[in-house]
């Protein structure tokens, strides 16, 4: 009988992990991907969003906001600033279906490095 209880516990544990894992994947959509990037840890215990706000708080740049693009099984999250009529600065990250955030390009990579 103890072996039967052990098997039940093991089955319940495995099913719970599968359910949580599948719910995590299902919950990542455009809004969640954007939220993950905005709130990701960056410099001096600040989020990416706060570091970008501090970096571009002068009125000479126009904030073009956040955009999210779905690319196959992941999302690309981008924040853009208009520096002049012809120059834009773009910061872009990939968000995988597991919620992993990967910087795309030198601007996003260098944003959270203390220089």
Protein backbone atom coordinates (compact mmCIF):
# COMPACT_ATOMS: atom_id res chain seq x y z
CA UNK A 1 0.00 0.00 0.00
CA UNK A 2 2.77 2.57 0.74
CA UNK A 3 4.10 2.05 -2.77
CA UNK A 4 0.66 2.94 -4.17
CA UNK A 5 0.63 6.21 -2.17
CA UNK A 6 4.14 7.00 -3.39
CA UNK A 7 3.05 6.47 -6.99
CA UNK A 8 0.02 8.72 -6.46
CA UNK A 9 2.22 11.44 -4.98
CA UNK A 10 4.70 11.13 -7.84
CA UNK A 11 1.88 11.25 -10.42
CA UNK A 12 0.32 14.30 -8.73
CA UNK A 13 3.70 16.08 -8.59
CA UNK A 14 4.47 15.42 -12.25
CA UNK A 15 0.99 16.49 -13.36
CA UNK A 16 1.22 19.67 -11.27
CA UNK A 17 4.55 20.58 -12.81
CA UNK A 18 3.16 19.96 -16.30
CA UNK A 19 0.09 22.07 -15.57
CA UNK A 20 2.12 24.96 -14.16
CA UNK A 21 4.55 24.74 -17.07
CA UNK A 22 1.80 24.75 -19.70
CA UNK A 23 0.01 27.65 -17.97
CA UNK A 24 3.24 29.64 -17.91
CA UNK A 25 3.65 29.17 -21.65
CA UNK A 26 0.02 29.99 -22.32
CA UNK A 27 0.17 33.16 -20.24
CA UNK A 28 2.91 34.83 -22.29
CA UNK A 29 1.27 37.16 -24.75
CA UNK A 30 2.15 40.62 -26.08
CA UNK A 31 1.19 42.40 -22.86
CA UNK A 32 3.06 39.93 -20.64
CA UNK A 33 6.18 40.09 -22.84
CA UNK A 34 6.19 43.89 -22.64
CA UNK A 35 5.70 43.78 -18.86
CA UNK A 36 8.57 41.30 -18.45
CA UNK A 37 10.98 43.55 -20.35
CA UNK A 38 9.84 46.77 -18.65
CA UNK A 39 10.28 45.27 -15.19
CA UNK A 40 13.52 43.38 -15.86
CA UNK A 41 16.36 44.25 -13.51
CA UNK A 42 18.88 46.69 -14.98
CA UNK A 43 21.23 49.22 -13.31
CA UNK A 44 21.29 50.28 -9.66
CA UNK A 45 18.28 48.11 -8.80
CA UNK A 46 16.17 49.91 -11.40
CA UNK A 47 14.02 48.34 -14.07
CA UNK A 48 14.75 48.67 -17.79
CA UNK A 49 11.80 51.06 -18.07
CA UNK A 50 13.16 53.36 -15.34
CA UNK A 51 16.68 53.36 -16.79
CA UNK A 52 15.28 54.35 -20.20
CA UNK A 53 13.15 57.09 -18.61
CA UNK A 54 16.20 58.50 -16.83
CA UNK A 55 18.38 58.23 -19.91
CA UNK A 56 15.93 60.08 -22.18
CA UNK A 57 14.23 62.52 -19.83
CA UNK A 58 15.20 65.63 -21.77
CA UNK A 59 12.55 67.17 -23.98
CA UNK A 60 14.69 67.19 -27.13
CA UNK A 61 13.89 63.51 -27.77
CA UNK A 62 10.43 62.24 -28.55
CA UNK A 63 9.43 58.99 -26.89
CA UNK A 64 7.86 56.69 -29.48
CA UNK A 65 6.85 54.21 -26.79
CA UNK A 66 6.86 50.44 -26.53
CA UNK A 67 5.98 48.07 -29.35
CA UNK A 68 5.65 44.29 -29.32
CA UNK A 69 6.01 42.03 -32.35
CA UNK A 70 5.18 38.33 -32.38
CA UNK A 71 7.86 36.27 -34.12
CA UNK A 72 6.98 32.55 -34.32
CA UNK A 73 7.10 31.26 -30.72
CA UNK A 74 8.65 34.38 -29.18
CA UNK A 75 8.04 38.11 -28.92
CA UNK A 76 10.24 41.04 -29.82
CA UNK A 77 9.75 44.00 -27.48
CA UNK A 78 11.06 47.38 -28.58
CA UNK A 79 11.32 50.88 -27.16
CA UNK A 80 12.09 53.70 -29.60
CA UNK A 81 13.04 57.35 -29.28
CA UNK A 82 13.06 59.94 -32.05
CA UNK A 83 16.29 61.92 -31.77
CA UNK A 84 15.80 64.10 -34.85
CA UNK A 85 13.64 64.02 -37.96
CA UNK A 86 15.73 61.23 -39.43
CA UNK A 87 17.32 59.45 -36.46
CA UNK A 88 15.66 56.95 -34.16
CA UNK A 89 17.21 55.02 -31.29
CA UNK A 90 15.72 51.57 -30.82
CA UNK A 91 16.23 49.20 -27.92
CA UNK A 92 14.99 45.65 -28.63
CA UNK A 93 14.71 42.42 -26.64
CA UNK A 94 13.52 38.90 -27.49
CA UNK A 95 11.17 37.23 -25.01
CA UNK A 96 10.99 33.45 -25.36
CA UNK A 97 7.88 31.41 -24.68
CA UNK A 98 9.46 30.49 -21.32
CA UNK A 99 9.77 34.18 -20.37
CA UNK A 100 13.53 34.45 -20.89
CA UNK A 101 14.59 37.98 -21.92
CA UNK A 102 17.47 38.32 -24.38
CA UNK A 103 18.80 41.71 -25.55
CA UNK A 104 18.90 42.16 -29.32
CA UNK A 105 21.57 44.51 -30.59
CA UNK A 106 24.31 46.56 -29.00
CA UNK A 107 22.01 49.24 -27.55
CA UNK A 108 19.92 46.80 -25.54
CA UNK A 109 23.02 44.83 -24.51
CA UNK A 110 24.86 47.92 -23.27
CA UNK A 111 21.87 49.56 -21.55
CA UNK A 112 22.25 47.59 -18.32
CA UNK A 113 26.04 47.58 -18.18
CA UNK A 114 27.57 50.06 -15.76
CA UNK A 115 29.96 52.15 -17.84
